[in-house]
Amino acid sequence: MYMTVKETAEYLSMKESVIDKLILHNRIRAIHDGEQYLINKEQFVSHLEEMEKYKQMIQDYLNEPMPEDIDVKDED
């Protein structure tokens, strides 16, 4: 499924100008149909899945309880 730059910006929650720059710098693959750039939606699926995994890992880390402070007495 192909999306326009506007649809891609909405899908990725980014500005259209950022999507345009990413296309021009070959960071996003796109084809030009003579009038507009079309972007294949499938290229973002694995990226978004990885981002969700990382978000979950970070959230798990943040939710982990802090270890109790060991009261170490220095005997010099």
PDB file of N, CA and C in Angstrom:
ATOM      1  N   MET A   1       0.846  -1.177   0.000  1.00  0.00           N
ATOM      2  CA  MET A   1       0.000   0.000   0.000  1.00  0.00           C
ATOM      3  C   MET A   1       0.892   1.242   0.000  1.00  0.00           C
ATOM      4  N   TYR A   2       0.600   2.145  -0.892  1.00  0.00           N
ATOM      5  CA  TYR A   2       1.378   3.369  -0.993  1.00  0.00           C
ATOM      6  C   TYR A   2       0.626   4.528  -0.368  1.00  0.00           C
ATOM      7  N   MET A   3       1.386   5.418   0.264  1.00  0.00           N
ATOM      8  CA  MET A   3       0.818   6.593   0.914  1.00  0.00           C
ATOM      9  C   MET A   3       1.480   7.840   0.339  1.00  0.00           C
ATOM     10  N   THR A   4       0.752   8.944   0.413  1.00  0.00           N
ATOM     11  CA  THR A   4       1.324  10.230   0.014  1.00  0.00           C
ATOM     12  C   THR A   4       2.187  10.751   1.160  1.00  0.00           C
ATOM     13  N   VAL A   5       2.881  11.841   0.901  1.00  0.00           N
ATOM     14  CA  VAL A   5       3.712  12.458   1.946  1.00  0.00           C
ATOM     15  C   VAL A   5       2.838  12.889   3.119  1.00  0.00           C
ATOM     16  N   LYS A   6       1.674  13.445   2.839  1.00  0.00           N
ATOM     17  CA  LYS A   6       0.771  13.889   3.902  1.00  0.00           C
ATOM     18  C   LYS A   6       0.303  12.700   4.742  1.00  0.00           C
ATOM     19  N   GLU A   7      -0.100  11.625   4.096  1.00  0.00           N
ATOM     20  CA  GLU A   7      -0.560  10.440   4.822  1.00  0.00           C
ATOM     21  C   GLU A   7       0.568   9.825   5.651  1.00  0.00           C
ATOM     22  N   THR A   8       1.769   9.827   5.082  1.00  0.00           N
ATOM     23  CA  THR A   8       2.926   9.289   5.800  1.00  0.00           C
ATOM     24  C   THR A   8       3.235  10.136   7.025  1.00  0.00           C
ATOM     25  N   ALA A   9       3.154  11.449   6.893  1.00  0.00           N
ATOM     26  CA  ALA A   9       3.403  12.347   8.014  1.00  0.00           C
ATOM     27  C   ALA A   9       2.397  12.086   9.133  1.00  0.00           C
ATOM     28  N   GLU A  10       1.146  11.886   8.791  1.00  0.00           N
ATOM     29  CA  GLU A  10       0.126  11.585   9.793  1.00  0.00           C
ATOM     30  C   GLU A  10       0.393  10.226  10.436  1.00  0.00           C
ATOM     31  N   TYR A  11       0.753   9.242   9.625  1.00  0.00           N
ATOM     32  CA  TYR A  11       1.009   7.883  10.113  1.00  0.00           C
ATOM     33  C   TYR A  11       2.178   7.849  11.094  1.00  0.00           C
ATOM     34  N   LEU A  12       3.226   8.644  10.810  1.00  0.00           N
ATOM     35  CA  LEU A  12       4.416   8.660  11.651  1.00  0.00           C
ATOM     36  C   LEU A  12       4.409   9.781  12.687  1.00  0.00           C
ATOM     37  N   SER A  13       3.360  10.571  12.712  1.00  0.00           N
ATOM     38  CA  SER A  13       3.238  11.717  13.624  1.00  0.00           C
ATOM     39  C   SER A  13       4.414  12.679  13.460  1.00  0.00           C
ATOM     40  N   MET A  14       4.663  13.041  12.229  1.00  0.00           N
ATOM     41  CA  MET A  14       5.739  13.974  11.892  1.00  0.00           C
ATOM     42  C   MET A  14       5.181  15.065  10.987  1.00  0.00           C
ATOM     43  N   LYS A  15       5.971  16.103  10.793  1.00  0.00           N
ATOM     44  CA  LYS A  15       5.590  17.161   9.865  1.00  0.00           C
ATOM     45  C   LYS A  15       5.904  16.725   8.440  1.00  0.00           C
ATOM     46  N   GLU A  16       5.135  17.241   7.500  1.00  0.00           N
ATOM     47  CA  GLU A  16       5.355  16.903   6.091  1.00  0.00           C
ATOM     48  C   GLU A  16       6.740  17.342   5.619  1.00  0.00           C
ATOM     49  N   SER A  17       7.219  18.471   6.125  1.00  0.00           N
ATOM     50  CA  SER A  17       8.536  18.967   5.715  1.00  0.00           C
ATOM     51  C   SER A  17       9.644  17.994   6.136  1.00  0.00           C
ATOM     52  N   VAL A  18       9.466  17.347   7.292  1.00  0.00           N
ATOM     53  CA  VAL A  18      10.451  16.368   7.756  1.00  0.00           C
ATOM     54  C   VAL A  18      10.449  15.154   6.829  1.00  0.00           C
ATOM     55  N   ILE A  19       9.263  14.710   6.421  1.00  0.00           N
ATOM     56  CA  ILE A  19       9.152  13.575   5.507  1.00  0.00           C
ATOM     57  C   ILE A  19       9.808  13.920   4.173  1.00  0.00           C
ATOM     58  N   ASP A  20       9.568  15.128   3.677  1.00  0.00           N
ATOM     59  CA  ASP A  20      10.200  15.566   2.423  1.00  0.00           C
ATOM     60  C   ASP A  20      11.723  15.516   2.524  1.00  0.00           C
ATOM     61  N   LYS A  21      12.261  15.999   3.639  1.00  0.00           N
ATOM     62  CA  LYS A  21      13.721  15.990   3.821  1.00  0.00           C
ATOM     63  C   LYS A  21      14.251  14.566   3.882  1.00  0.00           C
ATOM     64  N   LEU A  22      13.530  13.678   4.576  1.00  0.00           N
ATOM     65  CA  LEU A  22      13.967  12.285   4.668  1.00  0.00           C
ATOM     66  C   LEU A  22      13.966  11.611   3.292  1.00  0.00           C
ATOM     67  N   ILE A  23      13.000  11.951   2.469  1.00  0.00           N
ATOM     68  CA  ILE A  23      12.958  11.410   1.103  1.00  0.00           C
ATOM     69  C   ILE A  23      14.138  11.934   0.303  1.00  0.00           C
ATOM     70  N   LEU A  24      14.394  13.231   0.384  1.00  0.00           N
ATOM     71  CA  LEU A  24      15.478  13.833  -0.392  1.00  0.00           C
ATOM     72  C   LEU A  24      16.854  13.332   0.047  1.00  0.00           C
ATOM     73  N   HIS A  25      16.987  12.934   1.299  1.00  0.00           N
ATOM     74  CA  HIS A  25      18.257  12.417   1.819  1.00  0.00           C
ATOM     75  C   HIS A  25      18.315  10.888   1.761  1.00  0.00           C
ATOM     76  N   ASN A  26      17.350  10.300   1.041  1.00  0.00           N
ATOM     77  CA  ASN A  26      17.267   8.841   0.841  1.00  0.00           C
ATOM     78  C   ASN A  26      17.156   8.064   2.148  1.00  0.00           C
ATOM     79  N   ARG A  27      16.547   8.646   3.159  1.00  0.00           N
ATOM     80  CA  ARG A  27      16.317   7.946   4.428  1.00  0.00           C
ATOM     81  C   ARG A  27      14.985   7.191   4.384  1.00  0.00           C
ATOM     82  N   ILE A  28      14.078   7.641   3.516  1.00  0.00           N
ATOM     83  CA  ILE A  28      12.810   6.960   3.261  1.00  0.00           C
ATOM     84  C   ILE A  28      12.760   6.671   1.770  1.00  0.00           C
ATOM     85  N   ARG A  29      12.461   5.421   1.442  1.00  0.00           N
ATOM     86  CA  ARG A  29      12.332   5.065   0.024  1.00  0.00           C
ATOM     87  C   ARG A  29      10.984   5.530  -0.495  1.00  0.00           C
ATOM     88  N   ALA A  30      11.007   6.157  -1.664  1.00  0.00           N
ATOM     89  CA  ALA A  30       9.773   6.663  -2.260  1.00  0.00           C
ATOM     90  C   ALA A  30       9.903   6.627  -3.780  1.00  0.00           C
ATOM     91  N   ILE A  31       8.759   6.599  -4.424  1.00  0.00           N
ATOM     92  CA  ILE A  31       8.736   6.705  -5.883  1.00  0.00           C
ATOM     93  C   ILE A  31       7.996   7.984  -6.244  1.00  0.00           C
ATOM     94  N   HIS A  32       8.349   8.535  -7.382  1.00  0.00           N
ATOM     95  CA  HIS A  32       7.714   9.769  -7.834  1.00  0.00           C
ATOM     96  C   HIS A  32       6.868   9.421  -9.047  1.00  0.00           C
ATOM     97  N   ASP A  33       5.581   9.702  -8.994  1.00  0.00           N
ATOM     98  CA  ASP A  33       4.672   9.347 -10.084  1.00  0.00           C
ATOM     99  C   ASP A  33       4.493  10.477 -11.090  1.00  0.00           C
ATOM    100  N   GLY A  34       5.340  11.487 -11.015  1.00  0.00           N
ATOM    101  CA  GLY A  34       5.240  12.622 -11.915  1.00  0.00           C
ATOM    102  C   GLY A  34       4.624  13.837 -11.250  1.00  0.00           C
ATOM    103  N   GLU A  35       3.829  13.602 -10.220  1.00  0.00           N
ATOM    104  CA  GLU A  35       3.179  14.695  -9.503  1.00  0.00           C
ATOM    105  C   GLU A  35       3.567  14.735  -8.034  1.00  0.00           C
ATOM    106  N   GLN A  36       3.706  13.562  -7.423  1.00  0.00           N
ATOM    107  CA  GLN A  36       3.958  13.504  -5.989  1.00  0.00           C
ATOM    108  C   GLN A  36       4.782  12.266  -5.654  1.00  0.00           C
ATOM    109  N   TYR A  37       5.339  12.277  -4.460  1.00  0.00           N
ATOM    110  CA  TYR A  37       6.058  11.117  -3.964  1.00  0.00           C
ATOM    111  C   TYR A  37       5.068  10.156  -3.321  1.00  0.00           C
ATOM    112  N   LEU A  38       5.291   8.869  -3.572  1.00  0.00           N
ATOM    113  CA  LEU A  38       4.494   7.822  -2.946  1.00  0.00           C
ATOM    114  C   LEU A  38       5.434   6.939  -2.140  1.00  0.00           C
ATOM    115  N   ILE A  39       5.023   6.626  -0.929  1.00  0.00           N
ATOM    116  CA  ILE A  39       5.864   5.885   0.006  1.00  0.00           C
ATOM    117  C   ILE A  39       5.162   4.577   0.344  1.00  0.00           C
ATOM    118  N   ASN A  40       5.920   3.476   0.284  1.00  0.00           N
ATOM    119  CA  ASN A  40       5.376   2.173   0.630  1.00  0.00           C
ATOM    120  C   ASN A  40       5.272   2.061   2.153  1.00  0.00           C
ATOM    121  N   LYS A  41       4.091   1.781   2.640  1.00  0.00           N
ATOM    122  CA  LYS A  41       3.827   1.719   4.080  1.00  0.00           C
ATOM    123  C   LYS A  41       4.571   0.565   4.741  1.00  0.00           C
ATOM    124  N   GLU A  42       4.822  -0.521   4.028  1.00  0.00           N
ATOM    125  CA  GLU A  42       5.432  -1.717   4.609  1.00  0.00           C
ATOM    126  C   GLU A  42       6.847  -1.473   5.140  1.00  0.00           C
ATOM    127  N   GLN A  43       7.552  -0.472   4.628  1.00  0.00           N
ATOM    128  CA  GLN A  43       8.915  -0.228   5.091  1.00  0.00           C
ATOM    129  C   GLN A  43       8.969   0.271   6.525  1.00  0.00           C
ATOM    130  N   PHE A  44       7.829   0.694   7.074  1.00  0.00           N
ATOM    131  CA  PHE A  44       7.790   1.205   8.439  1.00  0.00           C
ATOM    132  C   PHE A  44       7.331   0.160   9.450  1.00  0.00           C
ATOM    133  N   VAL A  45       6.799  -0.945   8.993  1.00  0.00           N
ATOM    134  CA  VAL A  45       6.224  -1.942   9.896  1.00  0.00           C
ATOM    135  C   VAL A  45       7.264  -2.464  10.881  1.00  0.00           C
ATOM    136  N   SER A  46       8.395  -2.939  10.381  1.00  0.00           N
ATOM    137  CA  SER A  46       9.399  -3.499  11.289  1.00  0.00           C
ATOM    138  C   SER A  46       9.993  -2.415  12.190  1.00  0.00           C
ATOM    139  N   HIS A  47      10.166  -1.218  11.659  1.00  0.00           N
ATOM    140  CA  HIS A  47      10.692  -0.114  12.460  1.00  0.00           C
ATOM    141  C   HIS A  47       9.752   0.208  13.622  1.00  0.00           C
ATOM    142  N   LEU A  48       8.469   0.287  13.346  1.00  0.00           N
ATOM    143  CA  LEU A  48       7.511   0.618  14.390  1.00  0.00           C
ATOM    144  C   LEU A  48       7.406  -0.509  15.416  1.00  0.00           C
ATOM    145  N   GLU A  49       7.525  -1.754  14.964  1.00  0.00           N
ATOM    146  CA  GLU A  49       7.511  -2.879  15.903  1.00  0.00           C
ATOM    147  C   GLU A  49       8.714  -2.808  16.840  1.00  0.00           C
ATOM    148  N   GLU A  50       9.878  -2.495  16.292  1.00  0.00           N
ATOM    149  CA  GLU A  50      11.087  -2.364  17.120  1.00  0.00           C
ATOM    150  C   GLU A  50      10.954  -1.213  18.107  1.00  0.00           C
ATOM    151  N   MET A  51      10.384  -0.114  17.671  1.00  0.00           N
ATOM    152  CA  MET A  51      10.194   1.027  18.557  1.00  0.00           C
ATOM    153  C   MET A  51       9.268   0.663  19.720  1.00  0.00           C
ATOM    154  N   GLU A  52       8.233  -0.118  19.444  1.00  0.00           N
ATOM    155  CA  GLU A  52       7.322  -0.555  20.507  1.00  0.00           C
ATOM    156  C   GLU A  52       8.042  -1.461  21.501  1.00  0.00           C
ATOM    157  N   LYS A  53       8.923  -2.333  21.001  1.00  0.00           N
ATOM    158  CA  LYS A  53       9.695  -3.207  21.882  1.00  0.00           C
ATOM    159  C   LYS A  53      10.593  -2.376  22.797  1.00  0.00           C
ATOM    160  N   TYR A  54      11.280  -1.384  22.225  1.00  0.00           N
ATOM    161  CA  TYR A  54      12.161  -0.530  23.020  1.00  0.00           C
ATOM    162  C   TYR A  54      11.381   0.269  24.057  1.00  0.00           C
ATOM    163  N   LYS A  55      10.215   0.786  23.668  1.00  0.00           N
ATOM    164  CA  LYS A  55       9.384   1.528  24.616  1.00  0.00           C
ATOM    165  C   LYS A  55       8.991   0.628  25.781  1.00  0.00           C
ATOM    166  N   GLN A  56       8.620  -0.614  25.478  1.00  0.00           N
ATOM    167  CA  GLN A  56       8.225  -1.548  26.523  1.00  0.00           C
ATOM    168  C   GLN A  56       9.405  -1.881  27.436  1.00  0.00           C
ATOM    169  N   MET A  57      10.594  -2.064  26.853  1.00  0.00           N
ATOM    170  CA  MET A  57      11.787  -2.351  27.653  1.00  0.00           C
ATOM    171  C   MET A  57      12.089  -1.191  28.603  1.00  0.00           C
ATOM    172  N   ILE A  58      12.005   0.019  28.104  1.00  0.00           N
ATOM    173  CA  ILE A  58      12.266   1.196  28.931  1.00  0.00           C
ATOM    174  C   ILE A  58      11.225   1.310  30.034  1.00  0.00           C
ATOM    175  N   GLN A  59       9.960   1.080  29.683  1.00  0.00           N
ATOM    176  CA  GLN A  59       8.897   1.161  30.684  1.00  0.00           C
ATOM    177  C   GLN A  59       9.086   0.096  31.759  1.00  0.00           C
ATOM    178  N   ASP A  60       9.478  -1.116  31.364  1.00  0.00           N
ATOM    179  CA  ASP A  60       9.745  -2.178  32.340  1.00  0.00           C
ATOM    180  C   ASP A  60      10.886  -1.783  33.273  1.00  0.00           C
ATOM    181  N   TYR A  61      11.927  -1.195  32.706  1.00  0.00           N
ATOM    182  CA  TYR A  61      13.070  -0.757  33.505  1.00  0.00           C
ATOM    183  C   TYR A  61      12.657   0.324  34.504  1.00  0.00           C
ATOM    184  N   LEU A  62      11.861   1.273  34.036  1.00  0.00           N
ATOM    185  CA  LEU A  62      11.426   2.363  34.910  1.00  0.00           C
ATOM    186  C   LEU A  62      10.474   1.884  36.006  1.00  0.00           C
ATOM    187  N   ASN A  63       9.721   0.838  35.723  1.00  0.00           N
ATOM    188  CA  ASN A  63       8.775   0.306  36.709  1.00  0.00           C
ATOM    189  C   ASN A  63       9.426  -0.648  37.704  1.00  0.00           C
ATOM    190  N   GLU A  64      10.666  -1.023  37.433  1.00  0.00           N
ATOM    191  CA  GLU A  64      11.363  -1.937  38.331  1.00  0.00           C
ATOM    192  C   GLU A  64      11.641  -1.228  39.656  1.00  0.00           C
ATOM    193  N   PRO A  65      11.343  -1.901  40.786  1.00  0.00           N
ATOM    194  CA  PRO A  65      11.566  -1.235  42.074  1.00  0.00           C
ATOM    195  C   PRO A  65      13.054  -1.007  42.342  1.00  0.00           C
ATOM    196  N   MET A  66      13.324   0.063  43.041  1.00  0.00           N
ATOM    197  CA  MET A  66      14.699   0.388  43.404  1.00  0.00           C
ATOM    198  C   MET A  66      15.160  -0.583  44.490  1.00  0.00           C
ATOM    199  N   PRO A  67      16.393  -1.069  44.406  1.00  0.00           N
ATOM    200  CA  PRO A  67      16.881  -1.948  45.471  1.00  0.00           C
ATOM    201  C   PRO A  67      17.058  -1.133  46.756  1.00  0.00           C
ATOM    202  N   GLU A  68      16.887  -1.824  47.850  1.00  0.00           N
ATOM    203  CA  GLU A  68      17.040  -1.131  49.117  1.00  0.00           C
ATOM    204  C   GLU A  68      18.496  -0.724  49.293  1.00  0.00           C
ATOM    205  N   ASP A  69      18.677   0.420  49.911  1.00  0.00           N
ATOM    206  CA  ASP A  69      20.009   0.945  50.138  1.00  0.00           C
ATOM    207  C   ASP A  69      20.689   0.134  51.253  1.00  0.00           C
ATOM    208  N   ILE A  70      21.834  -0.381  50.935  1.00  0.00           N
ATOM    209  CA  ILE A  70      22.582  -1.138  51.932  1.00  0.00           C
ATOM    210  C   ILE A  70      23.347  -0.127  52.788  1.00  0.00           C
ATOM    211  N   ASP A  71      23.117  -0.208  54.076  1.00  0.00           N
ATOM    212  CA  ASP A  71      23.774   0.724  54.989  1.00  0.00           C
ATOM    213  C   ASP A  71      25.149   0.145  55.345  1.00  0.00           C
ATOM    214  N   VAL A  72      26.150   0.650  54.676  1.00  0.00           N
ATOM    215  CA  VAL A  72      27.505   0.153  54.890  1.00  0.00           C
ATOM    216  C   VAL A  72      28.220   1.139  55.803  1.00  0.00           C
ATOM    217  N   LYS A  73      28.752   0.610  56.873  1.00  0.00           N
ATOM    218  CA  LYS A  73      29.476   1.467  57.822  1.00  0.00           C
ATOM    219  C   LYS A  73      30.964   1.301  57.545  1.00  0.00           C
ATOM    220  N   ASP A  74      31.581   2.413  57.391  1.00  0.00           N
ATOM    221  CA  ASP A  74      33.015   2.409  57.118  1.00  0.00           C
ATOM    222  C   ASP A  74      33.769   2.363  58.461  1.00  0.00           C
ATOM    223  N   GLU A  75      34.513   1.320  58.648  1.00  0.00           N
ATOM    224  CA  GLU A  75      35.237   1.187  59.909  1.00  0.00           C
ATOM    225  C   GLU A  75      36.721   1.399  59.658  1.00  0.00           C
ATOM    226  N   ASP A  76      37.132   2.614  59.769  1.00  0.00           N
ATOM    227  CA  ASP A  76      38.559   2.933  59.600  1.00  0.00           C
ATOM    228  C   ASP A  76      39.247   3.056  60.913  1.00  0.00           C
TER     229      ASP A  76
END
